[in-house]
Amino acid sequence: KNQMKESNVKPKQKRQIYEAPKVSKDIKDMYKGALLHVHFSGMVRTKKILSYVIDNSIPCHYDRNSKKLMYCTKDESNISQHIDDIRMSIKNCFERMAYEKRFRIIGNMFFELIKHKDFYPHYMSMIMEEMKEEKIDHVDLRLKIGSMFTREHLQDSIRFSHPADELDELVVQQELFKAQGLSFSIIAQFSKQKPIREAEDYFLDLIKLMGQHRRYQSLIYGFDLVGNELSGRPLHYYKPMFRRIDDERRHYRIPSRIPFVLHAGEHDHKKALGNIQFAIYFAESDRLGHGIYAYQDDKLAKDILKYNILLEFCPLSMLILGNLKDDTLDRFQKNYPFHFCINSDDPNKLNDLSLTDNFQYLFNNGYSLDNLRHSVYYAIDGAF
């Protein structure tokens, strides 16, 4: 009963507005190495998506009622008529909506564009542009495999592609990235809000594909369970699933363990500490998605240091969600010498705040250039 009560904690809805300060030359010019915590659909900023669509005459249809931007045929395209409406809707969303609602609106607005099979290569091209602007060579993209779809006309129903079709497209993209001196890996994610059985089936199906098609093993770096840490299930609910996943990996003779790079420790709450404990002691994760509040438990913090576990710190994401207390940045930096890297999490749902903006935020709040350069080293080390 207590576990069920914990899993139903309702997070407070907060409307956080953060205006990014001017970026200094030192931060702008800094080589940032690798971005390890970012969600595929949130990687490219809204202003870049809209500029790319307009500049390249990509056919898109905007529905003013649903506020959805959809890939379409040239005859169905109307984006040039509504571009100002779209930009105003995004501006209002950033300025007036609580994060959870903002996440849903922006996600719905771009989903039927970003995940359309014919637009997919364009989106990957924009990711390359973002990487060059941010001065990073590698990115780990958190992605729900199997969410790519096809649709010929707007009146047609969406037809989701087989996961293998999306993986094949990503393998092709890996070669295009390599030709530009860049690289990416996929962290296959699934929502903690969905039934546990669905999560298990999803990961087992991916392991089967990885066993049958070896080329996917160099594409998929790890797995993750995502979603609000307070309202979602505690990670220990998934213990039987983790065992079955490892059994299946051995069955298909996948040579190395597939790491779970789990969201844990984003909130100042005992449930978050429980998730960190599960991630490092049972799942044996060598990276944690967030993990920031580990400093509140001395044994936990010392074990993170002992095992060289990397914390994927997303400062502006935590700030806008209301998860950074007044003393969090100071205590996280001073209490323990954690290995951490800096990340942008979901830029297009977070006021288009970039990785560079996250570096600047920490610099403005007492983190030295040496601190930031160390985080770059840890990011590169964690990526390869």
Protein backbone atom coordinates (compact mmCIF):
# COMPACT_ATOMS: atom_id res chain seq x y z
CA LYS A 1 0.00 0.00 0.00
CA ASN A 2 2.82 2.38 0.86
CA GLN A 3 4.53 1.61 -2.45
CA MET A 4 1.31 2.33 -4.36
CA LYS A 5 0.87 5.56 -2.41
CA GLU A 6 4.43 6.61 -3.31
CA SER A 7 3.90 5.84 -7.00
CA ASN A 8 0.89 8.15 -7.13
CA VAL A 9 2.61 11.28 -5.84
CA LYS A 10 1.29 14.24 -7.82
CA PRO A 11 3.99 16.74 -8.75
CA LYS A 12 3.22 20.42 -8.38
CA GLN A 13 2.62 22.22 -11.64
CA LYS A 14 4.83 25.27 -11.95
CA ARG A 15 5.14 27.82 -14.70
CA GLN A 16 8.83 28.62 -14.87
CA ILE A 17 10.09 31.31 -17.24
CA TYR A 18 13.84 31.52 -17.77
CA GLU A 19 15.35 34.12 -20.03
CA ALA A 20 18.76 32.94 -21.18
CA PRO A 21 21.47 35.56 -20.55
CA LYS A 22 23.96 36.59 -23.19
CA VAL A 23 26.46 33.82 -23.84
CA SER A 24 30.09 34.75 -23.20
CA LYS A 25 32.75 34.15 -25.82
CA ASP A 26 34.52 31.60 -23.58
CA ILE A 27 31.37 29.50 -23.29
CA LYS A 28 30.34 29.87 -26.92
CA ASP A 29 33.77 28.84 -28.21
CA MET A 30 34.25 25.99 -25.74
CA TYR A 31 34.47 22.51 -27.25
CA LYS A 32 31.68 20.55 -25.52
CA GLY A 33 32.51 17.05 -26.69
CA ALA A 34 29.39 14.97 -26.30
CA LEU A 35 25.74 15.35 -25.37
CA LEU A 36 24.56 12.27 -23.49
CA HIS A 37 21.09 13.21 -22.26
CA VAL A 38 18.70 14.54 -24.87
CA HIS A 39 15.41 13.23 -26.24
CA PHE A 40 15.19 12.71 -29.99
CA SER A 41 12.01 14.73 -30.56
CA GLY A 42 13.29 17.59 -28.38
CA MET A 43 16.83 17.85 -29.76
CA VAL A 44 16.21 20.41 -32.50
CA ARG A 45 14.98 23.83 -31.40
CA THR A 46 11.60 25.02 -32.70
CA LYS A 47 13.07 28.07 -34.43
CA LYS A 48 15.50 25.85 -36.37
CA ILE A 49 12.74 23.44 -37.42
CA LEU A 50 10.55 26.28 -38.71
CA SER A 51 13.43 28.02 -40.50
CA TYR A 52 14.52 24.76 -42.11
CA VAL A 53 11.00 23.97 -43.30
CA ILE A 54 10.54 27.43 -44.83
CA ASP A 55 14.03 27.72 -46.34
CA ASN A 56 13.85 24.27 -47.94
CA SER A 57 10.19 24.49 -49.04
CA ILE A 58 9.24 21.38 -47.08
CA PRO A 59 5.50 20.68 -47.61
CA CYS A 60 3.72 21.03 -44.25
CA HIS A 61 0.14 21.53 -43.20
CA TYR A 62 -0.79 23.41 -40.03
CA ASP A 63 -4.14 22.69 -38.36
CA ARG A 64 -5.12 25.75 -36.30
CA ASN A 65 -7.63 23.81 -34.20
CA SER A 66 -5.34 21.01 -33.07
CA LYS A 67 -2.19 23.16 -33.40
CA LYS A 68 -0.45 20.33 -35.24
CA LEU A 69 2.20 20.75 -37.91
CA MET A 70 2.07 17.78 -40.29
CA TYR A 71 4.20 16.57 -43.15
CA CYS A 72 2.07 16.40 -46.30
CA THR A 73 2.00 16.56 -50.09
CA LYS A 74 2.75 19.85 -51.89
CA ASP A 75 -0.94 20.29 -52.72
CA GLU A 76 -1.87 20.06 -49.01
CA SER A 77 0.84 22.44 -47.79
CA ASN A 78 -0.26 25.71 -46.13
CA ILE A 79 2.65 26.53 -43.80
CA SER A 80 3.57 29.79 -45.53
CA GLN A 81 0.12 31.15 -44.64
CA HIS A 82 0.38 30.19 -40.96
CA ILE A 83 4.02 30.59 -40.01
CA ASP A 84 3.26 33.65 -37.84
CA ASP A 85 0.43 31.76 -36.09
CA ILE A 86 2.76 28.87 -35.36
CA ARG A 87 5.45 31.10 -33.90
CA MET A 88 2.89 32.92 -31.75
CA SER A 89 1.47 29.62 -30.47
CA ILE A 90 4.96 28.49 -29.47
CA LYS A 91 5.71 31.82 -27.79
CA ASN A 92 2.45 31.69 -25.81
CA CYS A 93 3.15 28.09 -24.82
CA PHE A 94 6.63 28.92 -23.51
CA GLU A 95 5.44 31.99 -21.60
CA ARG A 96 2.07 30.88 -20.21
CA MET A 97 1.99 27.13 -19.78
CA ALA A 98 3.19 24.92 -16.93
CA TYR A 99 5.89 22.52 -18.01
CA GLU A 100 3.76 19.36 -18.23
CA LYS A 101 1.23 21.09 -20.47
CA ARG A 102 3.97 22.77 -22.51
CA PHE A 103 5.64 19.41 -23.05
CA ARG A 104 2.40 17.93 -24.34
CA ILE A 105 1.51 20.86 -26.64
CA ILE A 106 4.95 21.19 -28.26
CA GLY A 107 5.27 17.42 -28.53
CA ASN A 108 1.91 17.14 -30.28
CA MET A 109 2.62 20.13 -32.50
CA PHE A 110 5.74 18.59 -34.08
CA PHE A 111 5.21 14.82 -33.79
CA GLU A 112 3.47 14.37 -37.15
CA LEU A 113 6.28 16.26 -38.83
CA ILE A 114 9.38 14.93 -37.06
CA LYS A 115 8.42 11.24 -37.07
CA HIS A 116 7.09 11.04 -40.64
CA LYS A 117 9.33 8.65 -42.55
CA ASP A 118 9.91 11.12 -45.41
CA PHE A 119 10.85 13.96 -43.05
CA TYR A 120 13.10 11.78 -40.86
CA PRO A 121 16.28 12.41 -42.93
CA HIS A 122 15.62 16.15 -42.79
CA TYR A 123 15.35 16.02 -39.01
CA MET A 124 18.60 14.06 -38.74
CA SER A 125 20.25 16.70 -40.93
CA MET A 126 19.09 19.36 -38.46
CA ILE A 127 20.54 17.35 -35.58
CA MET A 128 23.90 17.49 -37.38
CA GLU A 129 23.54 21.26 -37.67
CA GLU A 130 22.76 21.57 -33.96
CA MET A 131 25.80 19.45 -33.10
CA LYS A 132 28.12 21.64 -35.15
CA GLU A 133 26.70 24.82 -33.59
CA GLU A 134 27.07 23.38 -30.09
CA LYS A 135 30.60 22.11 -30.82
CA ILE A 136 29.91 18.48 -29.99
CA ASP A 137 31.01 15.39 -31.92
CA HIS A 138 28.70 12.77 -30.40
CA VAL A 139 25.12 12.59 -29.12
CA ASP A 140 23.14 9.84 -27.40
CA LEU A 141 19.52 10.21 -28.52
CA ARG A 142 16.76 8.86 -26.29
CA LEU A 143 14.10 7.53 -28.62
CA LYS A 144 11.01 5.32 -28.58
CA ILE A 145 11.85 2.93 -31.41
CA GLY A 146 8.82 2.14 -33.55
CA SER A 147 7.33 5.66 -33.49
CA MET A 148 8.27 6.46 -37.11
CA PHE A 149 5.22 6.38 -39.38
CA THR A 150 4.04 6.76 -42.96
CA ARG A 151 0.99 8.56 -44.36
CA GLU A 152 0.45 9.53 -47.99
CA HIS A 153 -2.36 12.06 -47.56
CA LEU A 154 -3.66 13.97 -44.54
CA GLN A 155 -7.01 12.18 -44.63
CA ASP A 156 -5.21 8.82 -44.35
CA SER A 157 -4.56 7.13 -41.03
CA ILE A 158 -1.05 7.01 -39.62
CA ARG A 159 0.68 3.67 -40.19
CA PHE A 160 3.49 3.08 -37.74
CA SER A 161 6.54 1.41 -39.25
CA HIS A 162 8.01 -1.81 -37.96
CA PRO A 163 10.81 -1.05 -35.45
CA ALA A 164 13.31 -2.63 -37.86
CA ASP A 165 12.43 -0.04 -40.52
CA GLU A 166 13.26 2.79 -38.13
CA LEU A 167 16.47 1.08 -37.04
CA ASP A 168 17.49 0.61 -40.68
CA GLU A 169 16.97 4.33 -41.33
CA LEU A 170 19.10 5.15 -38.28
CA VAL A 171 21.89 2.82 -39.48
CA VAL A 172 21.93 4.73 -42.78
CA GLN A 173 22.06 8.01 -40.87
CA GLN A 174 24.99 6.77 -38.78
CA GLU A 175 27.07 6.53 -41.96
CA LEU A 176 26.04 10.05 -43.04
CA PHE A 177 27.03 11.39 -39.62
CA LYS A 178 30.35 9.55 -39.83
CA ALA A 179 31.08 11.24 -43.15
CA GLN A 180 30.75 14.59 -41.32
CA GLY A 181 33.06 13.52 -38.49
CA LEU A 182 30.09 13.08 -36.12
CA SER A 183 28.46 10.14 -34.38
CA PHE A 184 25.32 9.20 -32.50
CA SER A 185 23.93 6.26 -30.56
CA ILE A 186 20.39 5.42 -29.52
CA ILE A 187 19.13 4.89 -25.98
CA ALA A 188 15.83 3.10 -26.54
CA GLN A 189 13.29 4.52 -24.11
CA PHE A 190 9.88 3.49 -22.81
CA SER A 191 7.45 5.34 -20.57
CA LYS A 192 7.00 4.44 -16.90
CA GLN A 193 3.37 5.55 -17.28
CA LYS A 194 2.65 2.55 -19.55
CA PRO A 195 1.91 -0.98 -18.25
CA ILE A 196 5.00 -2.90 -17.16
CA ARG A 197 4.12 -5.76 -19.51
CA GLU A 198 4.24 -3.37 -22.49
CA ALA A 199 7.66 -2.14 -21.39
CA GLU A 200 8.94 -5.71 -21.13
CA ASP A 201 7.59 -6.67 -24.57
CA TYR A 202 9.15 -3.55 -26.09
CA PHE A 203 12.65 -4.22 -24.75
CA LEU A 204 12.49 -7.98 -25.47
CA ASP A 205 11.47 -7.28 -29.08
CA LEU A 206 14.46 -4.96 -29.46
CA ILE A 207 16.82 -7.58 -28.06
CA LYS A 208 15.44 -10.09 -30.53
CA LEU A 209 16.10 -7.66 -33.39
CA MET A 210 19.61 -6.98 -32.09
CA GLY A 211 20.26 -10.71 -31.96
CA GLN A 212 18.97 -11.28 -35.48
CA HIS A 213 20.64 -8.21 -37.03
CA ARG A 214 24.09 -7.55 -35.62
CA ARG A 215 24.29 -4.11 -37.22
CA TYR A 216 21.81 -2.83 -34.62
CA GLN A 217 24.19 -3.68 -31.78
CA SER A 218 26.48 -0.79 -32.71
CA LEU A 219 23.46 1.52 -32.94
CA ILE A 220 21.63 0.88 -29.66
CA TYR A 221 23.82 1.89 -26.72
CA GLY A 222 21.33 1.21 -23.93
CA PHE A 223 17.78 1.27 -22.57
CA ASP A 224 15.90 3.73 -20.37
CA LEU A 225 12.59 4.09 -18.53
CA VAL A 226 11.40 7.68 -18.77
CA GLY A 227 8.63 9.91 -17.45
CA ASN A 228 7.87 11.96 -14.37
CA GLU A 229 9.77 10.45 -11.46
CA LEU A 230 7.14 11.30 -8.85
CA SER A 231 4.00 10.18 -10.70
CA GLY A 232 5.63 7.23 -12.49
CA ARG A 233 6.30 3.78 -11.04
CA PRO A 234 9.36 3.28 -8.82
CA LEU A 235 12.11 1.46 -10.69
CA HIS A 236 12.10 -1.53 -8.35
CA TYR A 237 8.70 -2.50 -9.81
CA TYR A 238 10.63 -3.54 -12.94
CA LYS A 239 13.03 -5.98 -11.24
CA PRO A 240 11.59 -9.15 -12.90
CA MET A 241 11.71 -7.40 -16.28
CA PHE A 242 15.42 -6.64 -15.89
CA ARG A 243 16.15 -10.32 -15.21
CA ARG A 244 14.18 -11.46 -18.26
CA ILE A 245 15.95 -8.92 -20.46
CA ASP A 246 19.36 -10.22 -19.46
CA ASP A 247 18.24 -13.84 -19.97
CA GLU A 248 17.05 -12.92 -23.47
CA ARG A 249 20.33 -11.19 -24.24
CA ARG A 250 22.24 -14.36 -23.41
CA HIS A 251 19.76 -16.42 -25.44
CA TYR A 252 20.54 -14.35 -28.55
CA ARG A 253 24.27 -14.40 -27.74
CA ILE A 254 24.58 -10.66 -27.62
CA PRO A 255 28.13 -10.47 -26.27
CA SER A 256 27.97 -7.53 -23.89
CA ARG A 257 25.41 -6.41 -21.35
CA ILE A 258 23.00 -3.75 -22.62
CA PRO A 259 23.18 -1.00 -20.01
CA PHE A 260 20.14 0.65 -18.54
CA VAL A 261 20.85 4.38 -18.44
CA LEU A 262 17.97 5.16 -16.12
CA HIS A 263 16.20 8.38 -15.22
CA ALA A 264 16.70 8.61 -11.46
CA GLY A 265 17.38 11.27 -8.83
CA GLU A 266 15.88 14.26 -10.61
CA HIS A 267 13.69 15.22 -7.64
CA ASP A 268 14.30 16.07 -4.00
CA HIS A 269 12.24 13.13 -2.74
CA LYS A 270 12.88 9.76 -1.07
CA LYS A 271 11.37 8.03 -4.10
CA ALA A 272 14.13 9.55 -6.24
CA LEU A 273 16.79 8.22 -3.86
CA GLY A 274 15.16 4.78 -4.07
CA ASN A 275 15.40 4.94 -7.86
CA ILE A 276 19.10 5.80 -7.66
CA GLN A 277 19.69 2.87 -5.30
CA PHE A 278 17.94 0.49 -7.69
CA ALA A 279 19.86 1.85 -10.69
CA ILE A 280 23.32 1.40 -9.21
CA TYR A 281 22.87 -1.67 -6.98
CA PHE A 282 20.51 -3.82 -9.08
CA ALA A 283 20.66 -2.48 -12.65
CA GLU A 284 24.39 -1.77 -12.23
CA SER A 285 24.11 1.42 -14.28
CA ASP A 286 27.36 3.25 -14.99
CA ARG A 287 25.45 6.40 -15.96
CA LEU A 288 22.40 7.99 -14.37
CA GLY A 289 19.90 10.20 -16.13
CA HIS A 290 20.10 13.13 -13.67
CA GLY A 291 21.06 11.54 -10.31
CA ILE A 292 21.64 14.97 -8.81
CA TYR A 293 20.03 14.45 -5.41
CA ALA A 294 22.36 11.55 -4.60
CA TYR A 295 24.33 14.06 -2.50
CA GLN A 296 21.59 13.78 0.16
CA ASP A 297 22.60 10.19 1.01
CA ASP A 298 26.20 9.82 2.15
CA LYS A 299 26.54 6.08 1.41
CA LEU A 300 24.90 6.47 -1.98
CA ALA A 301 27.13 9.40 -2.88
CA LYS A 302 30.30 7.56 -1.84
CA ASP A 303 29.31 4.49 -3.87
CA ILE A 304 28.68 6.66 -6.95
CA LEU A 305 32.21 7.98 -6.53
CA LYS A 306 33.63 4.51 -5.84
CA TYR A 307 32.11 3.01 -9.00
CA ASN A 308 32.85 6.09 -11.17
CA ILE A 309 29.19 6.51 -12.09
CA LEU A 310 28.55 9.44 -14.41
CA LEU A 311 25.66 11.80 -13.61
CA GLU A 312 23.86 13.34 -16.59
CA PHE A 313 23.12 16.80 -15.23
CA CYS A 314 20.39 18.82 -17.02
CA PRO A 315 20.42 22.10 -15.04
CA LEU A 316 17.97 24.23 -17.03
CA SER A 317 15.52 21.37 -17.41
CA MET A 318 15.53 20.91 -13.63
CA LEU A 319 15.22 24.66 -13.09
CA ILE A 320 12.20 25.05 -15.37
CA LEU A 321 10.52 21.98 -13.85
CA GLY A 322 11.00 23.51 -10.41
CA ASN A 323 13.38 20.74 -9.29
CA LEU A 324 16.33 22.93 -8.34
CA LYS A 325 16.16 24.19 -4.76
CA ASP A 326 18.01 27.36 -3.88
CA ASP A 327 21.03 25.48 -2.53
CA THR A 328 21.07 22.51 -4.93
CA LEU A 329 23.72 23.82 -7.32
CA ASP A 330 26.03 24.79 -4.48
CA ARG A 331 25.62 21.54 -2.52
CA PHE A 332 25.88 19.34 -5.62
CA GLN A 333 29.18 21.00 -6.51
CA LYS A 334 30.74 21.16 -3.05
CA ASN A 335 29.50 18.13 -1.07
CA TYR A 336 31.04 15.43 -3.28
CA PRO A 337 33.39 15.50 -6.30
CA PHE A 338 30.89 13.77 -8.59
CA HIS A 339 31.71 13.02 -12.21
CA PHE A 340 28.99 14.79 -14.19
CA CYS A 341 28.32 15.94 -17.72
CA ILE A 342 26.09 18.83 -18.81
CA ASN A 343 23.05 18.23 -20.99
CA SER A 344 20.11 20.02 -22.61
CA ASP A 345 17.42 17.30 -22.12
CA ASP A 346 14.56 18.62 -24.31
CA PRO A 347 15.50 21.98 -25.88
CA ASN A 348 12.42 22.54 -28.03
CA LYS A 349 10.13 22.02 -25.05
CA LEU A 350 12.31 24.18 -22.80
CA ASN A 351 12.12 27.62 -24.44
CA ASP A 352 14.64 26.50 -27.10
CA LEU A 353 17.42 26.57 -24.48
CA SER A 354 20.55 24.98 -25.90
CA LEU A 355 23.44 23.01 -24.46
CA THR A 356 25.47 26.22 -24.58
CA ASP A 357 22.78 27.96 -22.50
CA ASN A 358 23.13 25.22 -19.87
CA PHE A 359 26.90 25.76 -19.72
CA GLN A 360 26.37 29.51 -19.39
CA TYR A 361 23.80 29.02 -16.60
CA LEU A 362 26.23 26.98 -14.51
CA PHE A 363 29.06 29.43 -15.19
CA ASN A 364 26.84 32.30 -14.01
CA ASN A 365 26.07 30.33 -10.84
CA GLY A 366 29.58 29.70 -9.58
CA TYR A 367 30.89 26.87 -11.75
CA SER A 368 34.37 27.72 -13.05
CA LEU A 369 35.60 27.17 -16.59
CA ASP A 370 37.74 24.33 -15.21
CA ASN A 371 34.61 22.71 -13.72
CA LEU A 372 32.92 22.93 -17.10
CA ARG A 373 35.94 21.56 -18.97
CA HIS A 374 36.05 18.59 -16.61
CA SER A 375 32.38 17.91 -17.39
CA VAL A 376 33.29 17.82 -21.11
CA TYR A 377 36.00 15.25 -20.41
CA TYR A 378 33.53 13.08 -18.49
CA ALA A 379 30.97 13.37 -21.31
CA ILE A 380 33.48 12.20 -23.90
CA ASP A 381 34.62 9.37 -21.64
CA GLY A 382 31.01 8.33 -20.98
CA ALA A 383 30.14 8.33 -24.68
CA PHE A 384 32.85 5.99 -25.85
